[in-house]
């Protein structure tokens, strides 16, 4: 599991954790793993959860990078790859 800094940890609330787990399920089902499809999946999850994109993107950034600052979150997902991204989401969302 990736160590999160204190600011990043504060973003992983019970609600955020639940949303991230549902996002991980959606990401696992993606046929193509690229920034465009990843963005569509994250935005669809935000819409389905009646949340603004930032309410998913910030906790997602925290679990993927361990910090609250990173390059574009869809690019981060793309570069990390499917296995690493979903693994980090599930590891952090459980704790």
Protein backbone atom coordinates (compact mmCIF):
# COMPACT_ATOMS: atom_id res chain seq x y z
CA UNK A 1 0.00 0.00 0.00
CA UNK A 2 1.05 3.57 -0.75
CA UNK A 3 1.74 5.81 2.25
CA UNK A 4 -0.47 8.91 2.28
CA UNK A 5 0.62 12.25 3.70
CA UNK A 6 -1.61 13.80 6.37
CA UNK A 7 -3.52 16.09 3.98
CA UNK A 8 -4.18 13.17 1.64
CA UNK A 9 -5.36 10.96 4.53
CA UNK A 10 -7.86 13.61 5.58
CA UNK A 11 -9.59 13.30 2.19
CA UNK A 12 -10.33 9.59 2.64
CA UNK A 13 -13.55 9.82 4.59
CA UNK A 14 -16.00 6.95 4.92
CA UNK A 15 -18.12 8.47 2.14
CA UNK A 16 -15.11 9.04 -0.13
CA UNK A 17 -13.95 5.49 0.49
CA UNK A 18 -17.32 4.07 -0.55
CA UNK A 19 -17.37 6.19 -3.72
CA UNK A 20 -13.81 5.15 -4.58
CA UNK A 21 -14.72 1.48 -4.25
CA UNK A 22 -17.61 1.96 -6.69
CA UNK A 23 -15.26 3.86 -9.00
CA UNK A 24 -12.77 0.96 -8.84
CA UNK A 25 -15.54 -1.41 -9.94
CA UNK A 26 -16.31 0.85 -12.91
CA UNK A 27 -12.63 1.16 -13.83
CA UNK A 28 -12.16 -2.61 -13.71
CA UNK A 29 -14.90 -2.96 -16.31
CA UNK A 30 -13.27 -0.57 -18.79
CA UNK A 31 -12.32 -2.16 -22.07
CA UNK A 32 -9.72 0.48 -22.94
CA UNK A 33 -7.34 2.00 -20.40
CA UNK A 34 -6.53 5.47 -21.71
CA UNK A 35 -6.91 9.01 -20.38
CA UNK A 36 -10.05 9.70 -22.42
CA UNK A 37 -11.93 6.59 -21.30
CA UNK A 38 -10.71 7.01 -17.73
CA UNK A 39 -11.98 10.59 -17.65
CA UNK A 40 -15.37 9.44 -18.96
CA UNK A 41 -15.57 6.74 -16.27
CA UNK A 42 -14.66 9.12 -13.45
CA UNK A 43 -17.12 11.75 -14.70
CA UNK A 44 -19.86 9.11 -15.06
CA UNK A 45 -19.24 8.00 -11.49
CA UNK A 46 -19.43 11.59 -10.24
CA UNK A 47 -22.71 12.06 -12.09
CA UNK A 48 -24.13 8.76 -10.81
CA UNK A 49 -23.17 9.74 -7.26
CA UNK A 50 -24.57 13.30 -7.70
CA UNK A 51 -21.15 14.72 -6.87
CA UNK A 52 -19.00 17.39 -8.42
CA UNK A 53 -15.90 16.02 -10.11
CA UNK A 54 -13.61 17.43 -7.39
CA UNK A 55 -15.35 15.35 -4.73
CA UNK A 56 -14.06 12.24 -6.50
CA UNK A 57 -10.89 13.61 -8.10
CA UNK A 58 -9.31 14.85 -4.88
CA UNK A 59 -9.65 11.60 -2.90
CA UNK A 60 -8.67 9.71 -6.05
CA UNK A 61 -5.53 11.83 -6.39
CA UNK A 62 -4.74 11.17 -2.73
CA UNK A 63 -4.95 7.38 -3.05
CA UNK A 64 -3.07 7.26 -6.35
CA UNK A 65 -0.19 9.58 -5.43
CA UNK A 66 -0.20 9.82 -1.63
CA UNK A 67 -0.47 13.62 -1.84
CA UNK A 68 -3.01 16.30 -2.72
CA UNK A 69 -0.98 17.61 -5.68
CA UNK A 70 -0.23 15.75 -8.91
CA UNK A 71 -0.33 15.99 -12.67
CA UNK A 72 -3.78 15.59 -14.24
CA UNK A 73 -5.57 12.74 -12.49
CA UNK A 74 -6.62 11.01 -15.71
CA UNK A 75 -3.01 11.05 -16.91
CA UNK A 76 -1.91 9.63 -13.55
CA UNK A 77 -4.39 6.77 -13.91
CA UNK A 78 -3.19 6.13 -17.46
CA UNK A 79 0.51 6.11 -16.57
CA UNK A 80 0.08 3.95 -13.46
CA UNK A 81 -1.91 1.41 -15.46
CA UNK A 82 -4.98 -0.63 -14.61
CA UNK A 83 -3.52 -3.02 -12.03
CA UNK A 84 -1.55 -0.42 -10.06
CA UNK A 85 -4.34 2.19 -10.12
CA UNK A 86 -7.10 -0.16 -9.01
CA UNK A 87 -4.82 -1.72 -6.41
CA UNK A 88 -4.02 1.67 -4.89
CA UNK A 89 -7.68 2.69 -4.87
CA UNK A 90 -8.75 -0.51 -3.14
CA UNK A 91 -5.83 -0.48 -0.66
CA UNK A 92 -6.49 3.07 0.48
CA UNK A 93 -10.28 2.89 0.37
CA UNK A 94 -10.32 -0.05 2.76
CA UNK A 95 -8.23 1.62 5.46
